[in-house]
Amino acid sequence: MDLREQLKEIIEGEDVALFMKGTPQFVMCGNSHRALEALRRAGAPVTAVDILPDPRIRQELSAISGWPTIPQVFVGGELIGGADIVEELERNGELEQTLRAKLGEKLSGKERVVALP
């Protein structure tokens, strides 16, 4: 399976996919931290992917999503946006509504990391 297929599998297969710089345990970017914290406060089950180990991850991800910056948050296979948008949705109460609409009662707050080769 090539990198593009792996990324698509994560985007489409995970309830909430956060493509970030670093991991939830060792965040390497302020914007990634802001998006992660907003998702945590909403109780989202986050699957995190560190884009830093290989520059191709960011290239392929941006080609798939059409979104140039990191972090990128996908819920139910749909791009929600980056840190600013996720925080805005949280302030408006729309983040939790979006999560509940797409995931039902799957708001577990669990986090896991997927490493790409």
PDB file of N, CA and C in Angstrom:
ATOM      1  N   MET A   1       0.850  -1.175   0.000  1.00  0.00           N
ATOM      2  CA  MET A   1       0.000   0.000   0.000  1.00  0.00           C
ATOM      3  C   MET A   1       0.898   1.241   0.000  1.00  0.00           C
ATOM      4  N   ASP A   2       0.661   2.149  -0.935  1.00  0.00           N
ATOM      5  CA  ASP A   2       1.499   3.341  -0.982  1.00  0.00           C
ATOM      6  C   ASP A   2       1.026   4.379   0.042  1.00  0.00           C
ATOM      7  N   LEU A   3       1.813   5.428   0.189  1.00  0.00           N
ATOM      8  CA  LEU A   3       1.553   6.446   1.205  1.00  0.00           C
ATOM      9  C   LEU A   3       0.185   7.101   1.022  1.00  0.00           C
ATOM     10  N   ARG A   4      -0.171   7.440  -0.201  1.00  0.00           N
ATOM     11  CA  ARG A   4      -1.471   8.083  -0.456  1.00  0.00           C
ATOM     12  C   ARG A   4      -2.618   7.174   0.007  1.00  0.00           C
ATOM     13  N   GLU A   5      -2.504   5.900  -0.301  1.00  0.00           N
ATOM     14  CA  GLU A   5      -3.542   4.950   0.120  1.00  0.00           C
ATOM     15  C   GLU A   5      -3.608   4.845   1.640  1.00  0.00           C
ATOM     16  N   GLN A   6      -2.441   4.852   2.293  1.00  0.00           N
ATOM     17  CA  GLN A   6      -2.411   4.797   3.755  1.00  0.00           C
ATOM     18  C   GLN A   6      -3.098   6.022   4.350  1.00  0.00           C
ATOM     19  N   LEU A   7      -2.805   7.195   3.811  1.00  0.00           N
ATOM     20  CA  LEU A   7      -3.426   8.423   4.312  1.00  0.00           C
ATOM     21  C   LEU A   7      -4.938   8.389   4.114  1.00  0.00           C
ATOM     22  N   LYS A   8      -5.373   7.971   2.943  1.00  0.00           N
ATOM     23  CA  LYS A   8      -6.814   7.886   2.675  1.00  0.00           C
ATOM     24  C   LYS A   8      -7.488   6.895   3.614  1.00  0.00           C
ATOM     25  N   GLU A   9      -6.820   5.791   3.893  1.00  0.00           N
ATOM     26  CA  GLU A   9      -7.370   4.786   4.804  1.00  0.00           C
ATOM     27  C   GLU A   9      -7.560   5.378   6.203  1.00  0.00           C
ATOM     28  N   ILE A  10      -6.599   6.163   6.663  1.00  0.00           N
ATOM     29  CA  ILE A  10      -6.707   6.806   7.980  1.00  0.00           C
ATOM     30  C   ILE A  10      -7.843   7.823   7.963  1.00  0.00           C
ATOM     31  N   ILE A  11      -7.873   8.677   6.949  1.00  0.00           N
ATOM     32  CA  ILE A  11      -8.900   9.725   6.852  1.00  0.00           C
ATOM     33  C   ILE A  11     -10.290   9.111   6.833  1.00  0.00           C
ATOM     34  N   GLU A  12     -10.466   8.084   6.033  1.00  0.00           N
ATOM     35  CA  GLU A  12     -11.792   7.488   5.860  1.00  0.00           C
ATOM     36  C   GLU A  12     -12.142   6.477   6.951  1.00  0.00           C
ATOM     37  N   GLY A  13     -11.131   5.884   7.585  1.00  0.00           N
ATOM     38  CA  GLY A  13     -11.386   4.819   8.537  1.00  0.00           C
ATOM     39  C   GLY A  13     -11.435   5.228   9.994  1.00  0.00           C
ATOM     40  N   GLU A  14     -10.861   6.373  10.318  1.00  0.00           N
ATOM     41  CA  GLU A  14     -10.831   6.818  11.716  1.00  0.00           C
ATOM     42  C   GLU A  14     -11.944   7.822  11.975  1.00  0.00           C
ATOM     43  N   ASP A  15     -12.513   7.773  13.164  1.00  0.00           N
ATOM     44  CA  ASP A  15     -13.579   8.716  13.508  1.00  0.00           C
ATOM     45  C   ASP A  15     -13.068  10.156  13.457  1.00  0.00           C
ATOM     46  N   VAL A  16     -11.936  10.399  14.117  1.00  0.00           N
ATOM     47  CA  VAL A  16     -11.309  11.726  14.117  1.00  0.00           C
ATOM     48  C   VAL A  16      -9.825  11.527  13.849  1.00  0.00           C
ATOM     49  N   ALA A  17      -9.355  12.061  12.739  1.00  0.00           N
ATOM     50  CA  ALA A  17      -7.934  11.979  12.388  1.00  0.00           C
ATOM     51  C   ALA A  17      -7.330  13.373  12.501  1.00  0.00           C
ATOM     52  N   LEU A  18      -6.258  13.468  13.270  1.00  0.00           N
ATOM     53  CA  LEU A  18      -5.530  14.721  13.442  1.00  0.00           C
ATOM     54  C   LEU A  18      -4.128  14.532  12.885  1.00  0.00           C
ATOM     55  N   PHE A  19      -3.851  15.202  11.778  1.00  0.00           N
ATOM     56  CA  PHE A  19      -2.517  15.198  11.203  1.00  0.00           C
ATOM     57  C   PHE A  19      -1.802  16.403  11.798  1.00  0.00           C
ATOM     58  N   MET A  20      -0.743  16.124  12.548  1.00  0.00           N
ATOM     59  CA  MET A  20      -0.121  17.160  13.366  1.00  0.00           C
ATOM     60  C   MET A  20       1.398  17.064  13.315  1.00  0.00           C
ATOM     61  N   LYS A  21       2.027  18.080  13.862  1.00  0.00           N
ATOM     62  CA  LYS A  21       3.475  18.061  14.025  1.00  0.00           C
ATOM     63  C   LYS A  21       3.746  17.536  15.433  1.00  0.00           C
ATOM     64  N   GLY A  22       4.301  16.336  15.494  1.00  0.00           N
ATOM     65  CA  GLY A  22       4.544  15.679  16.767  1.00  0.00           C
ATOM     66  C   GLY A  22       3.437  14.688  17.080  1.00  0.00           C
ATOM     67  N   THR A  23       3.369  14.318  18.344  1.00  0.00           N
ATOM     68  CA  THR A  23       2.362  13.375  18.826  1.00  0.00           C
ATOM     69  C   THR A  23       1.618  14.019  19.996  1.00  0.00           C
ATOM     70  N   PRO A  24       0.493  13.457  20.415  1.00  0.00           N
ATOM     71  CA  PRO A  24      -0.206  14.031  21.572  1.00  0.00           C
ATOM     72  C   PRO A  24       0.681  14.097  22.827  1.00  0.00           C
ATOM     73  N   GLN A  25       1.624  13.178  22.947  1.00  0.00           N
ATOM     74  CA  GLN A  25       2.514  13.178  24.106  1.00  0.00           C
ATOM     75  C   GLN A  25       3.692  14.130  23.944  1.00  0.00           C
ATOM     76  N   PHE A  26       4.024  14.478  22.690  1.00  0.00           N
ATOM     77  CA  PHE A  26       5.169  15.346  22.427  1.00  0.00           C
ATOM     78  C   PHE A  26       4.850  16.247  21.234  1.00  0.00           C
ATOM     79  N   VAL A  27       3.996  17.224  21.480  1.00  0.00           N
ATOM     80  CA  VAL A  27       3.541  18.132  20.426  1.00  0.00           C
ATOM     81  C   VAL A  27       4.689  19.066  20.038  1.00  0.00           C
ATOM     82  N   MET A  28       4.891  19.237  18.723  1.00  0.00           N
ATOM     83  CA  MET A  28       6.017  20.018  18.213  1.00  0.00           C
ATOM     84  C   MET A  28       5.598  21.340  17.566  1.00  0.00           C
ATOM     85  N   CYS A  29       4.342  21.761  17.782  1.00  0.00           N
ATOM     86  CA  CYS A  29       3.849  22.959  17.108  1.00  0.00           C
ATOM     87  C   CYS A  29       2.683  23.530  17.911  1.00  0.00           C
ATOM     88  N   GLY A  30       2.678  24.832  18.067  1.00  0.00           N
ATOM     89  CA  GLY A  30       1.606  25.482  18.810  1.00  0.00           C
ATOM     90  C   GLY A  30       0.235  25.278  18.192  1.00  0.00           C
ATOM     91  N   ASN A  31       0.143  25.340  16.867  1.00  0.00           N
ATOM     92  CA  ASN A  31      -1.158  25.150  16.225  1.00  0.00           C
ATOM     93  C   ASN A  31      -1.655  23.713  16.385  1.00  0.00           C
ATOM     94  N   SER A  32      -0.751  22.754  16.294  1.00  0.00           N
ATOM     95  CA  SER A  32      -1.133  21.364  16.516  1.00  0.00           C
ATOM     96  C   SER A  32      -1.643  21.190  17.946  1.00  0.00           C
ATOM     97  N   HIS A  33      -0.974  21.834  18.886  1.00  0.00           N
ATOM     98  CA  HIS A  33      -1.394  21.767  20.295  1.00  0.00           C
ATOM     99  C   HIS A  33      -2.787  22.366  20.482  1.00  0.00           C
ATOM    100  N   ARG A  34      -3.043  23.498  19.851  1.00  0.00           N
ATOM    101  CA  ARG A  34      -4.353  24.153  19.975  1.00  0.00           C
ATOM    102  C   ARG A  34      -5.473  23.263  19.430  1.00  0.00           C
ATOM    103  N   ALA A  35      -5.240  22.649  18.272  1.00  0.00           N
ATOM    104  CA  ALA A  35      -6.259  21.770  17.686  1.00  0.00           C
ATOM    105  C   ALA A  35      -6.484  20.546  18.564  1.00  0.00           C
ATOM    106  N   LEU A  36      -5.408  19.948  19.047  1.00  0.00           N
ATOM    107  CA  LEU A  36      -5.506  18.774  19.914  1.00  0.00           C
ATOM    108  C   LEU A  36      -6.283  19.103  21.181  1.00  0.00           C
ATOM    109  N   GLU A  37      -5.978  20.221  21.803  1.00  0.00           N
ATOM    110  CA  GLU A  37      -6.660  20.595  23.047  1.00  0.00           C
ATOM    111  C   GLU A  37      -8.149  20.842  22.827  1.00  0.00           C
ATOM    112  N   ALA A  38      -8.519  21.465  21.725  1.00  0.00           N
ATOM    113  CA  ALA A  38      -9.941  21.685  21.417  1.00  0.00           C
ATOM    114  C   ALA A  38     -10.645  20.341  21.241  1.00  0.00           C
ATOM    115  N   LEU A  39     -10.006  19.415  20.538  1.00  0.00           N
ATOM    116  CA  LEU A  39     -10.591  18.084  20.354  1.00  0.00           C
ATOM    117  C   LEU A  39     -10.696  17.343  21.679  1.00  0.00           C
ATOM    118  N   ARG A  40      -9.694  17.481  22.524  1.00  0.00           N
ATOM    119  CA  ARG A  40      -9.740  16.846  23.846  1.00  0.00           C
ATOM    120  C   ARG A  40     -10.902  17.394  24.672  1.00  0.00           C
ATOM    121  N   ARG A  41     -11.046  18.703  24.680  1.00  0.00           N
ATOM    122  CA  ARG A  41     -12.140  19.313  25.463  1.00  0.00           C
ATOM    123  C   ARG A  41     -13.509  18.851  24.982  1.00  0.00           C
ATOM    124  N   ALA A  42     -13.610  18.542  23.689  1.00  0.00           N
ATOM    125  CA  ALA A  42     -14.879  18.074  23.123  1.00  0.00           C
ATOM    126  C   ALA A  42     -15.080  16.571  23.322  1.00  0.00           C
ATOM    127  N   GLY A  43     -14.066  15.885  23.848  1.00  0.00           N
ATOM    128  CA  GLY A  43     -14.174  14.459  24.091  1.00  0.00           C
ATOM    129  C   GLY A  43     -13.980  13.596  22.862  1.00  0.00           C
ATOM    130  N   ALA A  44     -13.340  14.141  21.834  1.00  0.00           N
ATOM    131  CA  ALA A  44     -13.169  13.417  20.565  1.00  0.00           C
ATOM    132  C   ALA A  44     -12.209  12.237  20.715  1.00  0.00           C
ATOM    133  N   PRO A  45     -12.526  11.113  20.077  1.00  0.00           N
ATOM    134  CA  PRO A  45     -11.584   9.994  20.020  1.00  0.00           C
ATOM    135  C   PRO A  45     -10.562  10.277  18.916  1.00  0.00           C
ATOM    136  N   VAL A  46      -9.404  10.766  19.272  1.00  0.00           N
ATOM    137  CA  VAL A  46      -8.429  11.275  18.304  1.00  0.00           C
ATOM    138  C   VAL A  46      -7.423  10.209  17.893  1.00  0.00           C
ATOM    139  N   THR A  47      -7.268  10.054  16.597  1.00  0.00           N
ATOM    140  CA  THR A  47      -6.173   9.279  16.037  1.00  0.00           C
ATOM    141  C   THR A  47      -5.205  10.293  15.446  1.00  0.00           C
ATOM    142  N   ALA A  48      -4.010  10.357  16.023  1.00  0.00           N
ATOM    143  CA  ALA A  48      -3.023  11.352  15.618  1.00  0.00           C
ATOM    144  C   ALA A  48      -1.978  10.743  14.698  1.00  0.00           C
ATOM    145  N   VAL A  49      -1.582  11.528  13.704  1.00  0.00           N
ATOM    146  CA  VAL A  49      -0.524  11.131  12.778  1.00  0.00           C
ATOM    147  C   VAL A  49       0.512  12.251  12.751  1.00  0.00           C
ATOM    148  N   ASP A  50       1.739  11.907  13.089  1.00  0.00           N
ATOM    149  CA  ASP A  50       2.845  12.863  13.056  1.00  0.00           C
ATOM    150  C   ASP A  50       3.329  12.995  11.616  1.00  0.00           C
ATOM    151  N   ILE A  51       3.284  14.202  11.079  1.00  0.00           N
ATOM    152  CA  ILE A  51       3.693  14.423   9.686  1.00  0.00           C
ATOM    153  C   ILE A  51       5.197  14.717   9.571  1.00  0.00           C
ATOM    154  N   LEU A  52       5.895  14.869  10.696  1.00  0.00           N
ATOM    155  CA  LEU A  52       7.297  15.295  10.653  1.00  0.00           C
ATOM    156  C   LEU A  52       8.309  14.241  10.187  1.00  0.00           C
ATOM    157  N   PRO A  53       8.101  12.940  10.424  1.00  0.00           N
ATOM    158  CA  PRO A  53       9.144  11.984  10.044  1.00  0.00           C
ATOM    159  C   PRO A  53       9.469  11.923   8.552  1.00  0.00           C
ATOM    160  N   ASP A  54       8.510  12.287   7.704  1.00  0.00           N
ATOM    161  CA  ASP A  54       8.745  12.162   6.262  1.00  0.00           C
ATOM    162  C   ASP A  54       8.023  13.312   5.544  1.00  0.00           C
ATOM    163  N   PRO A  55       8.734  14.183   4.829  1.00  0.00           N
ATOM    164  CA  PRO A  55       8.103  15.312   4.146  1.00  0.00           C
ATOM    165  C   PRO A  55       7.045  14.894   3.133  1.00  0.00           C
ATOM    166  N   ARG A  56       7.122  13.650   2.649  1.00  0.00           N
ATOM    167  CA  ARG A  56       6.123  13.176   1.696  1.00  0.00           C
ATOM    168  C   ARG A  56       4.729  13.086   2.325  1.00  0.00           C
ATOM    169  N   ILE A  57       4.677  12.870   3.644  1.00  0.00           N
ATOM    170  CA  ILE A  57       3.372  12.776   4.313  1.00  0.00           C
ATOM    171  C   ILE A  57       2.616  14.084   4.129  1.00  0.00           C
ATOM    172  N   ARG A  58       3.280  15.193   4.410  1.00  0.00           N
ATOM    173  CA  ARG A  58       2.630  16.498   4.274  1.00  0.00           C
ATOM    174  C   ARG A  58       2.243  16.773   2.821  1.00  0.00           C
ATOM    175  N   GLN A  59       3.131  16.439   1.891  1.00  0.00           N
ATOM    176  CA  GLN A  59       2.855  16.654   0.461  1.00  0.00           C
ATOM    177  C   GLN A  59       1.616  15.890   0.025  1.00  0.00           C
ATOM    178  N   GLU A  60       1.583  14.605   0.339  1.00  0.00           N
ATOM    179  CA  GLU A  60       0.457  13.765  -0.078  1.00  0.00           C
ATOM    180  C   GLU A  60      -0.828  14.194   0.620  1.00  0.00           C
ATOM    181  N   LEU A  61      -0.732  14.513   1.900  1.00  0.00           N
ATOM    182  CA  LEU A  61      -1.915  14.941   2.654  1.00  0.00           C
ATOM    183  C   LEU A  61      -2.514  16.198   2.042  1.00  0.00           C
ATOM    184  N   SER A  62      -1.674  17.181   1.750  1.00  0.00           N
ATOM    185  CA  SER A  62      -2.166  18.425   1.151  1.00  0.00           C
ATOM    186  C   SER A  62      -2.743  18.193  -0.243  1.00  0.00           C
ATOM    187  N   ALA A  63      -2.182  17.243  -0.982  1.00  0.00           N
ATOM    188  CA  ALA A  63      -2.720  16.910  -2.306  1.00  0.00           C
ATOM    189  C   ALA A  63      -4.104  16.275  -2.175  1.00  0.00           C
ATOM    190  N   ILE A  64      -4.292  15.461  -1.156  1.00  0.00           N
ATOM    191  CA  ILE A  64      -5.582  14.808  -0.928  1.00  0.00           C
ATOM    192  C   ILE A  64      -6.629  15.812  -0.460  1.00  0.00           C
ATOM    193  N   SER A  65      -6.252  16.636   0.522  1.00  0.00           N
ATOM    194  CA  SER A  65      -7.220  17.516   1.185  1.00  0.00           C
ATOM    195  C   SER A  65      -7.418  18.856   0.484  1.00  0.00           C
ATOM    196  N   GLY A  66      -6.397  19.303  -0.259  1.00  0.00           N
ATOM    197  CA  GLY A  66      -6.454  20.644  -0.830  1.00  0.00           C
ATOM    198  C   GLY A  66      -6.194  21.726   0.215  1.00  0.00           C
ATOM    199  N   TRP A  67      -5.732  21.329   1.383  1.00  0.00           N
ATOM    200  CA  TRP A  67      -5.477  22.244   2.507  1.00  0.00           C
ATOM    201  C   TRP A  67      -3.970  22.301   2.718  1.00  0.00           C
ATOM    202  N   PRO A  68      -3.347  23.478   2.661  1.00  0.00           N
ATOM    203  CA  PRO A  68      -1.885  23.549   2.662  1.00  0.00           C
ATOM    204  C   PRO A  68      -1.216  23.482   4.036  1.00  0.00           C
ATOM    205  N   THR A  69      -1.940  23.773   5.095  1.00  0.00           N
ATOM    206  CA  THR A  69      -1.288  23.916   6.393  1.00  0.00           C
ATOM    207  C   THR A  69      -1.544  22.720   7.306  1.00  0.00           C
ATOM    208  N   ILE A  70      -0.741  22.650   8.357  1.00  0.00           N
ATOM    209  CA  ILE A  70      -0.841  21.638   9.401  1.00  0.00           C
ATOM    210  C   ILE A  70      -1.101  22.392  10.689  1.00  0.00           C
ATOM    211  N   PRO A  71      -1.984  21.915  11.532  1.00  0.00           N
ATOM    212  CA  PRO A  71      -2.655  20.617  11.534  1.00  0.00           C
ATOM    213  C   PRO A  71      -3.852  20.569  10.585  1.00  0.00           C
ATOM    214  N   GLN A  72      -4.279  19.339  10.319  1.00  0.00           N
ATOM    215  CA  GLN A  72      -5.508  19.099   9.569  1.00  0.00           C
ATOM    216  C   GLN A  72      -6.346  18.121  10.373  1.00  0.00           C
ATOM    217  N   VAL A  73      -7.612  18.481  10.564  1.00  0.00           N
ATOM    218  CA  VAL A  73      -8.528  17.652  11.340  1.00  0.00           C
ATOM    219  C   VAL A  73      -9.622  17.126  10.417  1.00  0.00           C
ATOM    220  N   PHE A  74      -9.801  15.817  10.441  1.00  0.00           N
ATOM    221  CA  PHE A  74     -10.852  15.158   9.677  1.00  0.00           C
ATOM    222  C   PHE A  74     -11.800  14.474  10.653  1.00  0.00           C
ATOM    223  N   VAL A  75     -13.096  14.646  10.444  1.00  0.00           N
ATOM    224  CA  VAL A  75     -14.103  13.965  11.259  1.00  0.00           C
ATOM    225  C   VAL A  75     -14.989  13.175  10.308  1.00  0.00           C
ATOM    226  N   GLY A  76     -15.071  11.873  10.535  1.00  0.00           N
ATOM    227  CA  GLY A  76     -15.882  11.032   9.676  1.00  0.00           C
ATOM    228  C   GLY A  76     -15.483  11.119   8.216  1.00  0.00           C
ATOM    229  N   GLY A  77     -14.186  11.270   7.951  1.00  0.00           N
ATOM    230  CA  GLY A  77     -13.684  11.328   6.581  1.00  0.00           C
ATOM    231  C   GLY A  77     -13.752  12.692   5.927  1.00  0.00           C
ATOM    232  N   GLU A  78     -14.277  13.684   6.634  1.00  0.00           N
ATOM    233  CA  GLU A  78     -14.435  15.028   6.073  1.00  0.00           C
ATOM    234  C   GLU A  78     -13.465  16.006   6.727  1.00  0.00           C
ATOM    235  N   LEU A  79     -12.784  16.808   5.908  1.00  0.00           N
ATOM    236  CA  LEU A  79     -11.882  17.827   6.433  1.00  0.00           C
ATOM    237  C   LEU A  79     -12.689  18.889   7.158  1.00  0.00           C
ATOM    238  N   ILE A  80     -12.336  19.104   8.422  1.00  0.00           N
ATOM    239  CA  ILE A  80     -12.966  20.165   9.215  1.00  0.00           C
ATOM    240  C   ILE A  80     -12.146  21.440   9.098  1.00  0.00           C
ATOM    241  N   GLY A  81     -10.819  21.301   9.143  1.00  0.00           N
ATOM    242  CA  GLY A  81      -9.942  22.461   9.008  1.00  0.00           C
ATOM    243  C   GLY A  81      -8.729  22.342   9.903  1.00  0.00           C
ATOM    244  N   GLY A  82      -8.117  23.483  10.175  1.00  0.00           N
ATOM    245  CA  GLY A  82      -6.938  23.549  11.023  1.00  0.00           C
ATOM    246  C   GLY A  82      -7.281  24.079  12.397  1.00  0.00           C
ATOM    247  N   ALA A  83      -6.261  24.546  13.109  1.00  0.00           N
ATOM    248  CA  ALA A  83      -6.416  24.975  14.497  1.00  0.00           C
ATOM    249  C   ALA A  83      -7.420  26.120  14.644  1.00  0.00           C
ATOM    250  N   ASP A  84      -7.317  27.140  13.807  1.00  0.00           N
ATOM    251  CA  ASP A  84      -8.212  28.294  13.933  1.00  0.00           C
ATOM    252  C   ASP A  84      -9.674  27.886  13.759  1.00  0.00           C
ATOM    253  N   ILE A  85      -9.934  27.066  12.763  1.00  0.00           N
ATOM    254  CA  ILE A  85     -11.318  26.658  12.489  1.00  0.00           C
ATOM    255  C   ILE A  85     -11.844  25.761  13.603  1.00  0.00           C
ATOM    256  N   VAL A  86     -11.016  24.823  14.064  1.00  0.00           N
ATOM    257  CA  VAL A  86     -11.445  23.923  15.139  1.00  0.00           C
ATOM    258  C   VAL A  86     -11.735  24.721  16.413  1.00  0.00           C
ATOM    259  N   GLU A  87     -10.891  25.693  16.721  1.00  0.00           N
ATOM    260  CA  GLU A  87     -11.140  26.534  17.903  1.00  0.00           C
ATOM    261  C   GLU A  87     -12.403  27.374  17.737  1.00  0.00           C
ATOM    262  N   GLU A  88     -12.623  27.903  16.558  1.00  0.00           N
ATOM    263  CA  GLU A  88     -13.833  28.691  16.292  1.00  0.00           C
ATOM    264  C   GLU A  88     -15.076  27.820  16.453  1.00  0.00           C
ATOM    265  N   LEU A  89     -15.028  26.610  15.901  1.00  0.00           N
ATOM    266  CA  LEU A  89     -16.152  25.682  16.050  1.00  0.00           C
ATOM    267  C   LEU A  89     -16.396  25.366  17.527  1.00  0.00           C
ATOM    268  N   GLU A  90     -15.325  25.227  18.275  1.00  0.00           N
ATOM    269  CA  GLU A  90     -15.467  24.963  19.717  1.00  0.00           C
ATOM    270  C   GLU A  90     -16.121  26.153  20.417  1.00  0.00           C
ATOM    271  N   ARG A  91     -15.668  27.364  20.114  1.00  0.00           N
ATOM    272  CA  ARG A  91     -16.240  28.565  20.756  1.00  0.00           C
ATOM    273  C   ARG A  91     -17.728  28.697  20.465  1.00  0.00           C
ATOM    274  N   ASN A  92     -18.120  28.329  19.246  1.00  0.00           N
ATOM    275  CA  ASN A  92     -19.528  28.452  18.848  1.00  0.00           C
ATOM    276  C   ASN A  92     -20.381  27.269  19.298  1.00  0.00           C
ATOM    277  N   GLY A  93     -19.761  26.265  19.910  1.00  0.00           N
ATOM    278  CA  GLY A  93     -20.489  25.071  20.305  1.00  0.00           C
ATOM    279  C   GLY A  93     -20.724  24.111  19.153  1.00  0.00           C
ATOM    280  N   GLU A  94     -20.148  24.412  18.002  1.00  0.00           N
ATOM    281  CA  GLU A  94     -20.384  23.585  16.818  1.00  0.00           C
ATOM    282  C   GLU A  94     -19.461  22.375  16.745  1.00  0.00           C
ATOM    283  N   LEU A  95     -18.317  22.407  17.425  1.00  0.00           N
ATOM    284  CA  LEU A  95     -17.398  21.277  17.358  1.00  0.00           C
ATOM    285  C   LEU A  95     -18.042  20.038  17.965  1.00  0.00           C
ATOM    286  N   GLU A  96     -18.560  20.152  19.164  1.00  0.00           N
ATOM    287  CA  GLU A  96     -19.198  19.000  19.799  1.00  0.00           C
ATOM    288  C   GLU A  96     -20.436  18.572  19.012  1.00  0.00           C
ATOM    289  N   GLN A  97     -21.195  19.526  18.479  1.00  0.00           N
ATOM    290  CA  GLN A  97     -22.367  19.182  17.654  1.00  0.00           C
ATOM    291  C   GLN A  97     -21.943  18.392  16.420  1.00  0.00           C
ATOM    292  N   THR A  98     -20.877  18.840  15.764  1.00  0.00           N
ATOM    293  CA  THR A  98     -20.369  18.150  14.578  1.00  0.00           C
ATOM    294  C   THR A  98     -19.914  16.746  14.940  1.00  0.00           C
ATOM    295  N   LEU A  99     -19.174  16.633  16.032  1.00  0.00           N
ATOM    296  CA  LEU A  99     -18.698  15.324  16.468  1.00  0.00           C
ATOM    297  C   LEU A  99     -19.868  14.400  16.769  1.00  0.00           C
ATOM    298  N   ARG A 100     -20.864  14.885  17.495  1.00  0.00           N
ATOM    299  CA  ARG A 100     -22.025  14.042  17.835  1.00  0.00           C
ATOM    300  C   ARG A 100     -22.828  13.669  16.584  1.00  0.00           C
ATOM    301  N   ALA A 101     -22.970  14.607  15.653  1.00  0.00           N
ATOM    302  CA  ALA A 101     -23.725  14.329  14.430  1.00  0.00           C
ATOM    303  C   ALA A 101     -23.038  13.246  13.595  1.00  0.00           C
ATOM    304  N   LYS A 102     -21.708  13.287  13.545  1.00  0.00           N
ATOM    305  CA  LYS A 102     -20.973  12.332  12.712  1.00  0.00           C
ATOM    306  C   LYS A 102     -20.646  11.036  13.435  1.00  0.00           C
ATOM    307  N   LEU A 103     -20.478  11.109  14.757  1.00  0.00           N
ATOM    308  CA  LEU A 103     -20.001   9.945  15.490  1.00  0.00           C
ATOM    309  C   LEU A 103     -21.026   9.351  16.451  1.00  0.00           C
ATOM    310  N   GLY A 104     -22.121  10.034  16.659  1.00  0.00           N
ATOM    311  CA  GLY A 104     -23.097   9.549  17.629  1.00  0.00           C
ATOM    312  C   GLY A 104     -22.525   9.620  19.028  1.00  0.00           C
ATOM    313  N   GLU A 105     -22.593   8.526  19.728  1.00  0.00           N
ATOM    314  CA  GLU A 105     -22.118   8.496  21.119  1.00  0.00           C
ATOM    315  C   GLU A 105     -20.683   7.981  21.252  1.00  0.00           C
ATOM    316  N   LYS A 106     -19.912   8.054  20.193  1.00  0.00           N
ATOM    317  CA  LYS A 106     -18.537   7.551  20.217  1.00  0.00           C
ATOM    318  C   LYS A 106     -17.555   8.539  20.831  1.00  0.00           C
ATOM    319  N   LEU A 107     -18.017   9.553  21.502  1.00  0.00           N
ATOM    320  CA  LEU A 107     -17.107  10.530  22.098  1.00  0.00           C
ATOM    321  C   LEU A 107     -16.488   9.909  23.347  1.00  0.00           C
ATOM    322  N   SER A 108     -15.298   9.363  23.180  1.00  0.00           N
ATOM    323  CA  SER A 108     -14.658   8.612  24.252  1.00  0.00           C
ATOM    324  C   SER A 108     -13.464   9.334  24.853  1.00  0.00           C
ATOM    325  N   GLY A 109     -12.931  10.308  24.125  1.00  0.00           N
ATOM    326  CA  GLY A 109     -11.739  10.988  24.600  1.00  0.00           C
ATOM    327  C   GLY A 109     -10.474  10.150  24.455  1.00  0.00           C
ATOM    328  N   LYS A 110     -10.576   8.960  23.865  1.00  0.00           N
ATOM    329  CA  LYS A 110      -9.395   8.104  23.683  1.00  0.00           C
ATOM    330  C   LYS A 110      -8.493   8.699  22.612  1.00  0.00           C
ATOM    331  N   GLU A 111      -7.202   8.469  22.792  1.00  0.00           N
ATOM    332  CA  GLU A 111      -6.216   8.940  21.824  1.00  0.00           C
ATOM    333  C   GLU A 111      -5.308   7.778  21.431  1.00  0.00           C
ATOM    334  N   ARG A 112      -4.961   7.766  20.151  1.00  0.00           N
ATOM    335  CA  ARG A 112      -3.980   6.805  19.689  1.00  0.00           C
ATOM    336  C   ARG A 112      -3.150   7.464  18.607  1.00  0.00           C
ATOM    337  N   VAL A 113      -1.967   6.923  18.400  1.00  0.00           N
ATOM    338  CA  VAL A 113      -1.044   7.452  17.402  1.00  0.00           C
ATOM    339  C   VAL A 113      -0.831   6.390  16.332  1.00  0.00           C
ATOM    340  N   VAL A 114      -0.914   6.812  15.073  1.00  0.00           N
ATOM    341  CA  VAL A 114      -0.611   5.936  13.946  1.00  0.00           C
ATOM    342  C   VAL A 114       0.692   6.438  13.330  1.00  0.00           C
ATOM    343  N   ALA A 115       1.649   5.552  13.214  1.00  0.00           N
ATOM    344  CA  ALA A 115       2.941   5.911  12.615  1.00  0.00           C
ATOM    345  C   ALA A 115       2.957   5.445  11.162  1.00  0.00           C
ATOM    346  N   LEU A 116       3.337   6.321  10.297  1.00  0.00           N
ATOM    347  CA  LEU A 116       3.476   5.980   8.880  1.00  0.00           C
ATOM    348  C   LEU A 116       4.954   5.750   8.595  1.00  0.00           C
ATOM    349  N   PRO A 117       5.245   4.768   7.735  1.00  0.00           N
ATOM    350  CA  PRO A 117       6.660   4.485   7.423  1.00  0.00           C
ATOM    351  C   PRO A 117       7.305   5.620   6.676  1.00  0.00           C
TER     352      PRO A 117
END
